[in-house]
Amino acid sequence: MTEKVEFSNEWDKIFKLSDKVTHKKVTFHNRFGITLVGDLYEPKNKEGKLSAIAVCGPFGAVKEQASGLYAMNMAERGFVTLAFDPSFTGESGGQPRYVNSPDINTDDFSSAVDYLSLKENVDPEKIGIIGICGWGGFALNCAAQDPRIKATVAVTMYDMSRVTAFGYNDTTTEEQRYETKKQLCKQRLEDYKNGNYKTAGGLPDKCPDDAPLFIKQYCAFYKTPRGYHKRSLGSNNGWNTTASLSLINTKILAFADEIKNAVLVIHGELAHSLYFSKTAFEKLKGDNKELMIIPGAYHCDLYDNMKFIPFDKITDFMTTNMK
């Protein structure tokens, strides 16, 4: 568990550092031996054992984007927070690059909990997680297998296994899915033969006028100074083409109904992806589960738009459920 990684100590986030927190880069490892790199934010002038939160997402993003913004803002509110790059992406380790794994990426969250649990100024009985976009789904999957997580917040959530297997609004047929698998397996053979991995290409540098609204909104975040980052897959060439193979046959929310600890699901009223959160929330059981719909908000508004992100609600939820 000593995989070496290189990371930058320059401040290269899409947001300014708050004067209410301290920041430093840290490393930790998951149970697969992959070294992960994170940004640790701690509130100034807070003593004793504090509550802590691990943050990850969106899918294809890095910690210098939305997850770091969430982490810093929650640190301002008194939490020790850790925004991290998932395995195979950003500054974190893992080979090959630009792949995803429902198993490993779920474990990345638990590994962040491992790290936070052993910090001297963290109460290991008061740890929560926040997952944004695709990592909202992985956060729920992790909460279903890791009882140490006392509170989970899934923001503008994607169920990546569902959308990969069934397409948007579940319109992909079995025959279409079979053809997709054939093409992906053809590509994996090409990758094996060539000794490298073809990337899917990512978002267009110039969004077509006839592109769907949600694609235009992704471009407005990832491809402009608002959210662009040189290490972000969403901002550049995207995932490996074959990265979706493991998602097609995996249902990451299969055990969401067994989550006993608290869950808050947050989504924009106008988001194309709202149905993912509504369906996930329907599976959750118990009186400690909440669904919060943000009026007038689209999917990407909850990445970085301070007008829409309900930090006060998230703070109250975490505080109440980590007592």
C-alpha atoms as a PDB file:
ATOM      1  CA  MET A   1       0.000   0.000   0.000  1.00  0.00           C
ATOM      2  CA  THR A   2       2.793   2.372  -0.901  1.00  0.00           C
ATOM      3  CA  GLU A   3       1.948   3.298  -4.487  1.00  0.00           C
ATOM      4  CA  LYS A   4       3.755   6.546  -5.216  1.00  0.00           C
ATOM      5  CA  VAL A   5       1.893   9.447  -6.729  1.00  0.00           C
ATOM      6  CA  GLU A   6       2.843  12.975  -7.684  1.00  0.00           C
ATOM      7  CA  PHE A   7       0.674  15.956  -6.920  1.00  0.00           C
ATOM      8  CA  SER A   8       0.829  19.722  -7.114  1.00  0.00           C
ATOM      9  CA  ASN A   9       0.723  22.002  -4.089  1.00  0.00           C
ATOM     10  CA  GLU A  10      -0.322  25.022  -6.125  1.00  0.00           C
ATOM     11  CA  TRP A  11      -3.807  26.437  -5.579  1.00  0.00           C
ATOM     12  CA  ASP A  12      -5.432  25.495  -8.884  1.00  0.00           C
ATOM     13  CA  LYS A  13      -9.094  25.295  -7.901  1.00  0.00           C
ATOM     14  CA  ILE A  14     -12.039  26.893  -9.697  1.00  0.00           C
ATOM     15  CA  PHE A  15     -12.832  28.777  -6.456  1.00  0.00           C
ATOM     16  CA  LYS A  16     -10.911  31.015  -4.060  1.00  0.00           C
ATOM     17  CA  LEU A  17      -9.584  29.713  -0.743  1.00  0.00           C
ATOM     18  CA  SER A  18     -11.653  30.879   2.202  1.00  0.00           C
ATOM     19  CA  ASP A  19      -9.855  32.687   5.005  1.00  0.00           C
ATOM     20  CA  LYS A  20     -11.980  30.728   7.485  1.00  0.00           C
ATOM     21  CA  VAL A  21     -10.283  27.385   6.793  1.00  0.00           C
ATOM     22  CA  THR A  22      -6.869  25.794   6.459  1.00  0.00           C
ATOM     23  CA  HIS A  23      -5.989  23.588   3.504  1.00  0.00           C
ATOM     24  CA  LYS A  24      -3.410  20.937   2.684  1.00  0.00           C
ATOM     25  CA  LYS A  25      -2.929  18.084   0.252  1.00  0.00           C
ATOM     26  CA  VAL A  26      -3.039  14.580   1.759  1.00  0.00           C
ATOM     27  CA  THR A  27      -2.787  10.992   0.541  1.00  0.00           C
ATOM     28  CA  PHE A  28      -4.488   7.814   1.702  1.00  0.00           C
ATOM     29  CA  HIS A  29      -5.081   4.362   0.202  1.00  0.00           C
ATOM     30  CA  ASN A  30      -8.059   2.162  -0.545  1.00  0.00           C
ATOM     31  CA  ARG A  31      -8.234  -1.575   0.113  1.00  0.00           C
ATOM     32  CA  PHE A  32      -7.074  -2.269  -3.443  1.00  0.00           C
ATOM     33  CA  GLY A  33      -3.752  -0.586  -2.662  1.00  0.00           C
ATOM     34  CA  ILE A  34      -4.436   2.478  -4.791  1.00  0.00           C
ATOM     35  CA  THR A  35      -3.148   5.763  -3.389  1.00  0.00           C
ATOM     36  CA  LEU A  36      -5.711   8.542  -3.429  1.00  0.00           C
ATOM     37  CA  VAL A  37      -4.970  12.257  -3.277  1.00  0.00           C
ATOM     38  CA  GLY A  38      -7.260  14.648  -1.474  1.00  0.00           C
ATOM     39  CA  ASP A  39      -7.630  18.215  -0.301  1.00  0.00           C
ATOM     40  CA  LEU A  40      -8.119  18.418   3.454  1.00  0.00           C
ATOM     41  CA  TYR A  41     -10.007  21.468   4.718  1.00  0.00           C
ATOM     42  CA  GLU A  42     -10.209  22.264   8.432  1.00  0.00           C
ATOM     43  CA  PRO A  43     -12.039  25.096  10.175  1.00  0.00           C
ATOM     44  CA  LYS A  44      -9.880  27.658  11.909  1.00  0.00           C
ATOM     45  CA  ASN A  45     -10.257  28.212  15.663  1.00  0.00           C
ATOM     46  CA  LYS A  46     -12.048  24.899  16.256  1.00  0.00           C
ATOM     47  CA  GLU A  47     -10.722  22.541  18.912  1.00  0.00           C
ATOM     48  CA  GLY A  48     -11.569  19.066  20.131  1.00  0.00           C
ATOM     49  CA  LYS A  49     -12.997  16.150  18.207  1.00  0.00           C
ATOM     50  CA  LEU A  50     -14.916  17.408  15.186  1.00  0.00           C
ATOM     51  CA  SER A  51     -17.418  15.869  12.783  1.00  0.00           C
ATOM     52  CA  ALA A  52     -15.998  15.074   9.346  1.00  0.00           C
ATOM     53  CA  ILE A  53     -17.246  14.742   5.771  1.00  0.00           C
ATOM     54  CA  ALA A  54     -15.719  13.101   2.670  1.00  0.00           C
ATOM     55  CA  VAL A  55     -16.770  14.594  -0.673  1.00  0.00           C
ATOM     56  CA  CYS A  56     -16.454  13.300  -4.241  1.00  0.00           C
ATOM     57  CA  GLY A  57     -17.877  14.015  -7.685  1.00  0.00           C
ATOM     58  CA  PRO A  58     -19.189  14.865 -10.201  1.00  0.00           C
ATOM     59  CA  PHE A  59     -18.567  11.961 -12.581  1.00  0.00           C
ATOM     60  CA  GLY A  60     -15.543  12.918 -14.635  1.00  0.00           C
ATOM     61  CA  ALA A  61     -14.604  15.839 -12.386  1.00  0.00           C
ATOM     62  CA  VAL A  62     -11.673  16.407 -10.041  1.00  0.00           C
ATOM     63  CA  LYS A  63     -11.398  17.719  -6.487  1.00  0.00           C
ATOM     64  CA  GLU A  64     -10.435  21.151  -7.770  1.00  0.00           C
ATOM     65  CA  GLN A  65     -13.980  21.587  -9.069  1.00  0.00           C
ATOM     66  CA  ALA A  66     -17.353  21.007  -7.350  1.00  0.00           C
ATOM     67  CA  SER A  67     -16.290  18.574  -4.627  1.00  0.00           C
ATOM     68  CA  GLY A  68     -13.639  20.983  -3.383  1.00  0.00           C
ATOM     69  CA  LEU A  69     -16.158  23.821  -3.345  1.00  0.00           C
ATOM     70  CA  TYR A  70     -18.518  21.715  -1.225  1.00  0.00           C
ATOM     71  CA  ALA A  71     -15.712  20.590   1.075  1.00  0.00           C
ATOM     72  CA  MET A  72     -14.428  24.108   1.678  1.00  0.00           C
ATOM     73  CA  ASN A  73     -17.888  25.483   2.384  1.00  0.00           C
ATOM     74  CA  MET A  74     -18.668  22.695   4.841  1.00  0.00           C
ATOM     75  CA  ALA A  75     -15.314  23.297   6.557  1.00  0.00           C
ATOM     76  CA  GLU A  76     -16.360  26.920   6.990  1.00  0.00           C
ATOM     77  CA  ARG A  77     -19.331  25.528   8.888  1.00  0.00           C
ATOM     78  CA  GLY A  78     -17.172  23.612  11.360  1.00  0.00           C
ATOM     79  CA  PHE A  79     -16.516  20.221   9.749  1.00  0.00           C
ATOM     80  CA  VAL A  80     -13.204  18.596   8.873  1.00  0.00           C
ATOM     81  CA  THR A  81     -13.658  17.822   5.187  1.00  0.00           C
ATOM     82  CA  LEU A  82     -11.839  15.809   2.547  1.00  0.00           C
ATOM     83  CA  ALA A  83     -12.420  16.292  -1.188  1.00  0.00           C
ATOM     84  CA  PHE A  84     -10.636  13.570  -3.134  1.00  0.00           C
ATOM     85  CA  ASP A  85      -9.947  12.342  -6.640  1.00  0.00           C
ATOM     86  CA  PRO A  86     -11.361   8.857  -7.283  1.00  0.00           C
ATOM     87  CA  SER A  87      -9.087   5.991  -8.291  1.00  0.00           C
ATOM     88  CA  PHE A  88      -7.645   6.222 -11.824  1.00  0.00           C
ATOM     89  CA  THR A  89      -8.397   9.943 -12.154  1.00  0.00           C
ATOM     90  CA  GLY A  90      -6.966  13.346 -11.274  1.00  0.00           C
ATOM     91  CA  GLU A  91      -3.929  13.176  -9.030  1.00  0.00           C
ATOM     92  CA  SER A  92      -4.929   9.829  -7.504  1.00  0.00           C
ATOM     93  CA  GLY A  93      -3.191   6.630  -8.494  1.00  0.00           C
ATOM     94  CA  GLY A  94      -4.370   3.482 -10.222  1.00  0.00           C
ATOM     95  CA  GLN A  95      -3.655   2.028 -13.647  1.00  0.00           C
ATOM     96  CA  PRO A  96      -4.801   2.245 -16.349  1.00  0.00           C
ATOM     97  CA  ARG A  97      -5.930   5.827 -16.281  1.00  0.00           C
ATOM     98  CA  TYR A  98      -9.435   7.113 -16.923  1.00  0.00           C
ATOM     99  CA  VAL A  99     -11.403   3.992 -16.034  1.00  0.00           C
ATOM    100  CA  ASN A 100     -14.112   3.565 -13.419  1.00  0.00           C
ATOM    101  CA  SER A 101     -15.221   0.652 -11.297  1.00  0.00           C
ATOM    102  CA  PRO A 102     -18.437   0.411  -9.264  1.00  0.00           C
ATOM    103  CA  ASP A 103     -16.577  -1.675  -6.684  1.00  0.00           C
ATOM    104  CA  ILE A 104     -13.357   0.314  -6.429  1.00  0.00           C
ATOM    105  CA  ASN A 105     -14.999   3.729  -6.631  1.00  0.00           C
ATOM    106  CA  THR A 106     -17.467   2.799  -3.906  1.00  0.00           C
ATOM    107  CA  ASP A 107     -14.523   1.677  -1.793  1.00  0.00           C
ATOM    108  CA  ASP A 108     -12.839   5.039  -2.411  1.00  0.00           C
ATOM    109  CA  PHE A 109     -15.507   6.609  -0.182  1.00  0.00           C
ATOM    110  CA  SER A 110     -14.942   4.024   2.569  1.00  0.00           C
ATOM    111  CA  SER A 111     -11.206   4.626   2.312  1.00  0.00           C
ATOM    112  CA  ALA A 112     -11.784   8.328   2.889  1.00  0.00           C
ATOM    113  CA  VAL A 113     -13.736   7.334   5.992  1.00  0.00           C
ATOM    114  CA  ASP A 114     -10.762   5.196   7.078  1.00  0.00           C
ATOM    115  CA  TYR A 115      -8.457   8.184   6.730  1.00  0.00           C
ATOM    116  CA  LEU A 116     -10.741  10.620   8.541  1.00  0.00           C
ATOM    117  CA  SER A 117     -11.464   8.150  11.351  1.00  0.00           C
ATOM    118  CA  LEU A 118      -7.799   8.099  12.353  1.00  0.00           C
ATOM    119  CA  LYS A 119      -7.288  11.871  12.444  1.00  0.00           C
ATOM    120  CA  GLU A 120      -6.706  13.163  15.970  1.00  0.00           C
ATOM    121  CA  ASN A 121      -9.206  15.993  15.622  1.00  0.00           C
ATOM    122  CA  VAL A 122     -12.013  13.844  14.160  1.00  0.00           C
ATOM    123  CA  ASP A 123     -14.681  11.956  16.074  1.00  0.00           C
ATOM    124  CA  PRO A 124     -14.858   8.613  14.212  1.00  0.00           C
ATOM    125  CA  GLU A 125     -18.488   8.240  15.286  1.00  0.00           C
ATOM    126  CA  LYS A 126     -19.419  11.427  13.420  1.00  0.00           C
ATOM    127  CA  ILE A 127     -18.466  10.966   9.785  1.00  0.00           C
ATOM    128  CA  GLY A 128     -20.645  11.611   6.749  1.00  0.00           C
ATOM    129  CA  ILE A 129     -20.194  11.673   2.972  1.00  0.00           C
ATOM    130  CA  ILE A 130     -21.376  13.878   0.114  1.00  0.00           C
ATOM    131  CA  GLY A 131     -21.563  12.489  -3.422  1.00  0.00           C
ATOM    132  CA  ILE A 132     -22.221  14.773  -6.392  1.00  0.00           C
ATOM    133  CA  CYS A 133     -23.668  13.644  -9.744  1.00  0.00           C
ATOM    134  CA  GLY A 134     -22.365  10.130 -10.517  1.00  0.00           C
ATOM    135  CA  TRP A 135     -20.729   9.955  -7.124  1.00  0.00           C
ATOM    136  CA  GLY A 136     -24.125  10.547  -5.566  1.00  0.00           C
ATOM    137  CA  GLY A 137     -25.004   7.033  -6.679  1.00  0.00           C
ATOM    138  CA  PHE A 138     -21.713   5.632  -5.418  1.00  0.00           C
ATOM    139  CA  ALA A 139     -22.286   7.443  -2.114  1.00  0.00           C
ATOM    140  CA  LEU A 140     -25.604   5.638  -1.661  1.00  0.00           C
ATOM    141  CA  ASN A 141     -23.959   2.350  -2.599  1.00  0.00           C
ATOM    142  CA  CYS A 142     -21.246   2.996  -0.020  1.00  0.00           C
ATOM    143  CA  ALA A 143     -23.774   3.947   2.663  1.00  0.00           C
ATOM    144  CA  ALA A 144     -25.483   0.599   2.039  1.00  0.00           C
ATOM    145  CA  GLN A 145     -22.280  -1.325   2.799  1.00  0.00           C
ATOM    146  CA  ASP A 146     -20.523   0.908   5.359  1.00  0.00           C
ATOM    147  CA  PRO A 147     -22.493   1.503   8.607  1.00  0.00           C
ATOM    148  CA  ARG A 148     -19.759   3.848   9.867  1.00  0.00           C
ATOM    149  CA  ILE A 149     -21.232   6.535   7.592  1.00  0.00           C
ATOM    150  CA  LYS A 150     -23.747   8.296   9.814  1.00  0.00           C
ATOM    151  CA  ALA A 151     -25.160  10.654   7.183  1.00  0.00           C
ATOM    152  CA  THR A 152     -25.095  10.622   3.382  1.00  0.00           C
ATOM    153  CA  VAL A 153     -25.961  13.476   1.020  1.00  0.00           C
ATOM    154  CA  ALA A 154     -26.499  12.691  -2.676  1.00  0.00           C
ATOM    155  CA  VAL A 155     -26.571  15.876  -4.771  1.00  0.00           C
ATOM    156  CA  THR A 156     -27.886  16.130  -8.366  1.00  0.00           C
ATOM    157  CA  MET A 157     -27.464  12.346  -8.458  1.00  0.00           C
ATOM    158  CA  TYR A 158     -26.859  10.064 -11.412  1.00  0.00           C
ATOM    159  CA  ASP A 159     -27.313   6.317 -11.155  1.00  0.00           C
ATOM    160  CA  MET A 160     -24.390   5.560 -13.468  1.00  0.00           C
ATOM    161  CA  SER A 161     -25.177   1.872 -13.777  1.00  0.00           C
ATOM    162  CA  ARG A 162     -28.762   2.611 -14.787  1.00  0.00           C
ATOM    163  CA  VAL A 163     -27.971   5.271 -17.373  1.00  0.00           C
ATOM    164  CA  THR A 164     -25.142   3.175 -18.844  1.00  0.00           C
ATOM    165  CA  ALA A 165     -27.283   0.071 -19.200  1.00  0.00           C
ATOM    166  CA  PHE A 166     -30.644   1.629 -20.075  1.00  0.00           C
ATOM    167  CA  GLY A 167     -29.836   5.082 -21.454  1.00  0.00           C
ATOM    168  CA  TYR A 168     -31.546   8.313 -20.526  1.00  0.00           C
ATOM    169  CA  ASN A 169     -35.118   7.804 -19.359  1.00  0.00           C
ATOM    170  CA  ASP A 170     -34.618   4.035 -19.751  1.00  0.00           C
ATOM    171  CA  THR A 171     -35.068   4.066 -23.523  1.00  0.00           C
ATOM    172  CA  THR A 172     -32.281   1.609 -24.476  1.00  0.00           C
ATOM    173  CA  THR A 173     -33.577  -1.813 -25.558  1.00  0.00           C
ATOM    174  CA  GLU A 174     -31.963  -5.157 -24.829  1.00  0.00           C
ATOM    175  CA  GLU A 175     -30.931  -5.443 -28.469  1.00  0.00           C
ATOM    176  CA  GLN A 176     -29.315  -1.992 -28.406  1.00  0.00           C
ATOM    177  CA  ARG A 177     -27.509  -2.872 -25.194  1.00  0.00           C
ATOM    178  CA  TYR A 178     -26.213  -6.065 -26.775  1.00  0.00           C
ATOM    179  CA  GLU A 179     -24.856  -4.103 -29.751  1.00  0.00           C
ATOM    180  CA  THR A 180     -23.157  -1.686 -27.358  1.00  0.00           C
ATOM    181  CA  LYS A 181     -21.471  -4.603 -25.583  1.00  0.00           C
ATOM    182  CA  LYS A 182     -20.270  -5.972 -28.928  1.00  0.00           C
ATOM    183  CA  GLN A 183     -18.704  -2.626 -29.839  1.00  0.00           C
ATOM    184  CA  LEU A 184     -17.120  -2.209 -26.412  1.00  0.00           C
ATOM    185  CA  CYS A 185     -15.609  -5.685 -26.497  1.00  0.00           C
ATOM    186  CA  LYS A 186     -14.322  -5.040 -30.017  1.00  0.00           C
ATOM    187  CA  GLN A 187     -12.653  -1.896 -28.672  1.00  0.00           C
ATOM    188  CA  ARG A 188     -11.125  -3.694 -25.691  1.00  0.00           C
ATOM    189  CA  LEU A 189      -9.464  -6.111 -28.107  1.00  0.00           C
ATOM    190  CA  GLU A 190      -8.103  -3.170 -30.087  1.00  0.00           C
ATOM    191  CA  ASP A 191      -6.833  -1.614 -26.863  1.00  0.00           C
ATOM    192  CA  TYR A 192      -5.169  -4.875 -25.855  1.00  0.00           C
ATOM    193  CA  LYS A 193      -3.531  -5.211 -29.257  1.00  0.00           C
ATOM    194  CA  ASN A 194      -2.383  -1.584 -29.347  1.00  0.00           C
ATOM    195  CA  GLY A 195      -1.182  -1.453 -25.757  1.00  0.00           C
ATOM    196  CA  ASN A 196      -3.138   1.700 -24.952  1.00  0.00           C
ATOM    197  CA  TYR A 197      -6.687   2.806 -24.280  1.00  0.00           C
ATOM    198  CA  LYS A 198      -8.849   4.851 -26.619  1.00  0.00           C
ATOM    199  CA  THR A 199     -10.709   7.660 -24.891  1.00  0.00           C
ATOM    200  CA  ALA A 200     -14.348   8.415 -25.609  1.00  0.00           C
ATOM    201  CA  GLY A 201     -13.643  12.016 -26.611  1.00  0.00           C
ATOM    202  CA  GLY A 202     -15.489  13.980 -23.941  1.00  0.00           C
ATOM    203  CA  LEU A 203     -17.575  17.084 -24.522  1.00  0.00           C
ATOM    204  CA  PRO A 204     -17.157  19.162 -27.691  1.00  0.00           C
ATOM    205  CA  ASP A 205     -14.981  22.261 -27.381  1.00  0.00           C
ATOM    206  CA  LYS A 206     -17.735  24.200 -29.128  1.00  0.00           C
ATOM    207  CA  CYS A 207     -21.203  22.991 -28.273  1.00  0.00           C
ATOM    208  CA  PRO A 208     -23.462  22.615 -31.352  1.00  0.00           C
ATOM    209  CA  ASP A 209     -26.502  24.880 -31.500  1.00  0.00           C
ATOM    210  CA  ASP A 210     -28.792  21.858 -31.764  1.00  0.00           C
ATOM    211  CA  ALA A 211     -27.288  20.028 -28.775  1.00  0.00           C
ATOM    212  CA  PRO A 212     -29.697  19.083 -25.957  1.00  0.00           C
ATOM    213  CA  LEU A 213     -29.962  21.701 -23.222  1.00  0.00           C
ATOM    214  CA  PHE A 214     -28.230  19.512 -20.636  1.00  0.00           C
ATOM    215  CA  ILE A 215     -25.233  19.016 -22.938  1.00  0.00           C
ATOM    216  CA  LYS A 216     -24.999  22.782 -23.395  1.00  0.00           C
ATOM    217  CA  GLN A 217     -25.062  23.144 -19.614  1.00  0.00           C
ATOM    218  CA  TYR A 218     -22.286  20.578 -19.201  1.00  0.00           C
ATOM    219  CA  CYS A 219     -20.221  22.479 -21.768  1.00  0.00           C
ATOM    220  CA  ALA A 220     -20.912  25.751 -19.955  1.00  0.00           C
ATOM    221  CA  PHE A 221     -19.361  24.245 -16.839  1.00  0.00           C
ATOM    222  CA  TYR A 222     -16.567  21.965 -18.013  1.00  0.00           C
ATOM    223  CA  LYS A 223     -15.449  23.830 -21.128  1.00  0.00           C
ATOM    224  CA  THR A 224     -15.331  27.426 -19.900  1.00  0.00           C
ATOM    225  CA  PRO A 225     -13.282  29.226 -17.237  1.00  0.00           C
ATOM    226  CA  ARG A 226     -16.225  28.723 -14.877  1.00  0.00           C
ATOM    227  CA  GLY A 227     -15.355  25.060 -14.328  1.00  0.00           C
ATOM    228  CA  TYR A 228     -12.544  23.974 -16.648  1.00  0.00           C
ATOM    229  CA  HIS A 229      -9.653  22.050 -15.113  1.00  0.00           C
ATOM    230  CA  LYS A 230      -6.727  20.482 -16.927  1.00  0.00           C
ATOM    231  CA  ARG A 231      -7.033  17.177 -15.046  1.00  0.00           C
ATOM    232  CA  SER A 232     -10.804  16.827 -15.366  1.00  0.00           C
ATOM    233  CA  LEU A 233     -12.077  14.148 -17.742  1.00  0.00           C
ATOM    234  CA  GLY A 234     -15.229  16.209 -18.261  1.00  0.00           C
ATOM    235  CA  SER A 235     -13.116  19.153 -19.345  1.00  0.00           C
ATOM    236  CA  ASN A 236     -10.909  17.165 -21.711  1.00  0.00           C
ATOM    237  CA  ASN A 237     -10.953  13.817 -23.528  1.00  0.00           C
ATOM    238  CA  GLY A 238     -13.310  11.876 -21.301  1.00  0.00           C
ATOM    239  CA  TRP A 239     -13.167   8.338 -19.973  1.00  0.00           C
ATOM    240  CA  ASN A 240     -11.670   5.340 -21.734  1.00  0.00           C
ATOM    241  CA  THR A 241     -14.185   4.083 -24.256  1.00  0.00           C
ATOM    242  CA  THR A 242     -14.422   0.696 -22.540  1.00  0.00           C
ATOM    243  CA  ALA A 243     -14.805   2.180 -19.056  1.00  0.00           C
ATOM    244  CA  SER A 244     -18.564   1.654 -19.142  1.00  0.00           C
ATOM    245  CA  LEU A 245     -18.355  -2.138 -19.456  1.00  0.00           C
ATOM    246  CA  SER A 246     -18.432  -2.784 -15.713  1.00  0.00           C
ATOM    247  CA  LEU A 247     -21.323  -0.372 -15.178  1.00  0.00           C
ATOM    248  CA  ILE A 248     -23.628  -2.075 -17.665  1.00  0.00           C
ATOM    249  CA  ASN A 249     -23.934  -5.279 -15.623  1.00  0.00           C
ATOM    250  CA  THR A 250     -23.852  -3.736 -12.147  1.00  0.00           C
ATOM    251  CA  LYS A 251     -26.815  -2.291 -10.245  1.00  0.00           C
ATOM    252  CA  ILE A 252     -25.214   0.024  -7.710  1.00  0.00           C
ATOM    253  CA  LEU A 253     -28.459   0.837  -5.898  1.00  0.00           C
ATOM    254  CA  ALA A 254     -29.536  -2.776  -5.414  1.00  0.00           C
ATOM    255  CA  PHE A 255     -29.218  -2.537  -1.634  1.00  0.00           C
ATOM    256  CA  ALA A 256     -30.176   1.110  -1.114  1.00  0.00           C
ATOM    257  CA  ASP A 257     -33.266  -0.021   0.788  1.00  0.00           C
ATOM    258  CA  GLU A 258     -30.962  -1.448   3.478  1.00  0.00           C
ATOM    259  CA  ILE A 259     -29.364   1.898   4.377  1.00  0.00           C
ATOM    260  CA  LYS A 260     -30.193   2.432   8.048  1.00  0.00           C
ATOM    261  CA  ASN A 261     -28.397   5.724   8.630  1.00  0.00           C
ATOM    262  CA  ALA A 262     -29.632   9.113   7.446  1.00  0.00           C
ATOM    263  CA  VAL A 263     -29.801  10.102   3.754  1.00  0.00           C
ATOM    264  CA  LEU A 264     -30.565  13.464   2.159  1.00  0.00           C
ATOM    265  CA  VAL A 265     -31.188  13.460  -1.602  1.00  0.00           C
ATOM    266  CA  ILE A 266     -30.970  16.896  -3.272  1.00  0.00           C
ATOM    267  CA  HIS A 267     -31.856  17.647  -6.879  1.00  0.00           C
ATOM    268  CA  GLY A 268     -32.832  20.539  -9.125  1.00  0.00           C
ATOM    269  CA  GLU A 269     -36.466  20.873 -10.134  1.00  0.00           C
ATOM    270  CA  LEU A 270     -35.566  21.421 -13.807  1.00  0.00           C
ATOM    271  CA  ALA A 271     -32.718  18.899 -14.047  1.00  0.00           C
ATOM    272  CA  HIS A 272     -32.857  16.296 -16.813  1.00  0.00           C
ATOM    273  CA  SER A 273     -31.535  13.829 -14.223  1.00  0.00           C
ATOM    274  CA  LEU A 274     -34.191  14.393 -11.553  1.00  0.00           C
ATOM    275  CA  TYR A 275     -35.735  10.981 -12.137  1.00  0.00           C
ATOM    276  CA  PHE A 276     -32.585   9.285 -10.795  1.00  0.00           C
ATOM    277  CA  SER A 277     -33.021  10.930  -7.399  1.00  0.00           C
ATOM    278  CA  LYS A 278     -36.764  10.351  -7.291  1.00  0.00           C
ATOM    279  CA  THR A 279     -36.353   6.643  -8.023  1.00  0.00           C
ATOM    280  CA  ALA A 280     -33.504   6.271  -5.539  1.00  0.00           C
ATOM    281  CA  PHE A 281     -35.476   8.038  -2.824  1.00  0.00           C
ATOM    282  CA  GLU A 282     -38.426   5.709  -3.370  1.00  0.00           C
ATOM    283  CA  LYS A 283     -36.158   2.791  -2.449  1.00  0.00           C
ATOM    284  CA  LEU A 284     -34.982   4.321   0.822  1.00  0.00           C
ATOM    285  CA  LYS A 285     -36.677   3.249   4.039  1.00  0.00           C
ATOM    286  CA  GLY A 286     -37.011   4.798   7.473  1.00  0.00           C
ATOM    287  CA  ASP A 287     -37.941   8.191   8.871  1.00  0.00           C
ATOM    288  CA  ASN A 288     -34.395   9.577   8.546  1.00  0.00           C
ATOM    289  CA  LYS A 289     -34.510   9.950   4.743  1.00  0.00           C
ATOM    290  CA  GLU A 290     -35.283  13.240   2.974  1.00  0.00           C
ATOM    291  CA  LEU A 291     -35.768  14.408  -0.616  1.00  0.00           C
ATOM    292  CA  MET A 292     -35.126  18.091  -1.293  1.00  0.00           C
ATOM    293  CA  ILE A 293     -36.082  19.533  -4.690  1.00  0.00           C
ATOM    294  CA  ILE A 294     -34.493  22.915  -5.452  1.00  0.00           C
ATOM    295  CA  PRO A 295     -36.955  25.185  -7.348  1.00  0.00           C
ATOM    296  CA  GLY A 296     -35.660  26.571 -10.641  1.00  0.00           C
ATOM    297  CA  ALA A 297     -32.384  24.622 -10.554  1.00  0.00           C
ATOM    298  CA  TYR A 298     -30.887  22.568 -13.377  1.00  0.00           C
ATOM    299  CA  HIS A 299     -28.405  19.705 -12.989  1.00  0.00           C
ATOM    300  CA  CYS A 300     -25.170  21.729 -13.187  1.00  0.00           C
ATOM    301  CA  ASP A 301     -26.511  24.538 -10.992  1.00  0.00           C
ATOM    302  CA  LEU A 302     -25.778  22.281  -8.026  1.00  0.00           C
ATOM    303  CA  TYR A 303     -22.124  21.988  -9.059  1.00  0.00           C
ATOM    304  CA  ASP A 304     -21.150  25.543  -8.205  1.00  0.00           C
ATOM    305  CA  ASN A 305     -24.073  27.971  -8.119  1.00  0.00           C
ATOM    306  CA  MET A 306     -24.173  29.340  -4.577  1.00  0.00           C
ATOM    307  CA  LYS A 307     -27.694  30.631  -5.206  1.00  0.00           C
ATOM    308  CA  PHE A 308     -28.973  27.052  -5.405  1.00  0.00           C
ATOM    309  CA  ILE A 309     -26.667  24.868  -3.279  1.00  0.00           C
ATOM    310  CA  PRO A 310     -28.420  24.472   0.122  1.00  0.00           C
ATOM    311  CA  PHE A 311     -25.365  24.497   2.380  1.00  0.00           C
ATOM    312  CA  ASP A 312     -27.415  25.518   5.425  1.00  0.00           C
ATOM    313  CA  LYS A 313     -29.708  22.525   4.930  1.00  0.00           C
ATOM    314  CA  ILE A 314     -26.758  20.167   4.443  1.00  0.00           C
ATOM    315  CA  THR A 315     -25.151  21.547   7.620  1.00  0.00           C
ATOM    316  CA  ASP A 316     -28.331  21.071   9.659  1.00  0.00           C
ATOM    317  CA  PHE A 317     -28.787  17.561   8.264  1.00  0.00           C
ATOM    318  CA  MET A 318     -25.221  16.493   9.002  1.00  0.00           C
ATOM    319  CA  THR A 319     -25.242  18.048  12.472  1.00  0.00           C
ATOM    320  CA  THR A 320     -28.563  16.473  13.434  1.00  0.00           C
ATOM    321  CA  ASN A 321     -27.707  12.999  12.210  1.00  0.00           C
ATOM    322  CA  MET A 322     -24.124  12.774  13.455  1.00  0.00           C
ATOM    323  CA  LYS A 323     -25.022  13.356  17.107  1.00  0.00           C
END
